[in-house]
Amino acid sequence: MDDNVQKSCWGVTTKAVLGFAGFLLLAWLIGGAGTVTTMTAG
């Protein structure tokens, strides 16, 4: 039962990381590298 919880947890984490990376990539493609740098800097 613990294995199922760990798998689902890693699945959610993976989706969140990929989603965030995809968002940054999209922002970079639209606004250029300077936009992403400004967003991540604060």
Protein backbone atom coordinates (compact mmCIF):
# COMPACT_ATOMS: atom_id res chain seq x y z
CA MET A 1 0.00 0.00 0.00
CA ASP A 2 2.92 2.33 0.67
CA ASP A 3 4.23 1.63 -2.84
CA ASN A 4 1.03 2.98 -4.38
CA VAL A 5 1.30 6.17 -2.33
CA GLN A 6 4.93 6.69 -3.37
CA LYS A 7 4.15 6.09 -7.04
CA SER A 8 1.27 8.56 -7.03
CA CYS A 9 3.40 11.10 -5.18
CA TRP A 10 6.21 10.83 -7.73
CA GLY A 11 3.65 11.03 -10.53
CA VAL A 12 2.28 14.31 -9.20
CA THR A 13 5.79 15.67 -8.65
CA THR A 14 6.84 14.72 -12.18
CA LYS A 15 3.77 16.38 -13.69
CA ALA A 16 4.35 19.54 -11.66
CA VAL A 17 8.02 19.76 -12.70
CA LEU A 18 7.23 19.12 -16.37
CA GLY A 19 4.41 21.64 -16.28
CA PHE A 20 6.64 24.30 -14.74
CA ALA A 21 9.42 23.58 -17.24
CA GLY A 22 6.93 23.77 -20.08
CA PHE A 23 5.65 27.11 -18.79
CA LEU A 24 9.17 28.52 -18.64
CA LEU A 25 9.90 27.22 -22.15
CA LEU A 26 6.72 28.80 -23.47
CA ALA A 27 7.51 32.11 -21.78
CA TRP A 28 11.03 31.99 -23.24
CA LEU A 29 9.74 31.31 -26.74
CA ILE A 30 7.21 34.17 -26.53
CA GLY A 31 9.17 36.85 -24.73
CA GLY A 32 12.78 35.83 -25.09
CA ALA A 33 15.36 34.66 -22.57
CA GLY A 34 15.33 37.98 -20.71
CA THR A 35 11.70 37.46 -19.68
CA VAL A 36 12.40 34.10 -18.03
CA THR A 37 15.47 35.48 -16.25
CA THR A 38 13.41 38.36 -14.87
CA MET A 39 10.61 36.01 -13.73
CA THR A 40 12.93 33.59 -11.95
CA ALA A 41 14.92 36.40 -10.32
CA GLY A 42 11.85 37.68 -8.56
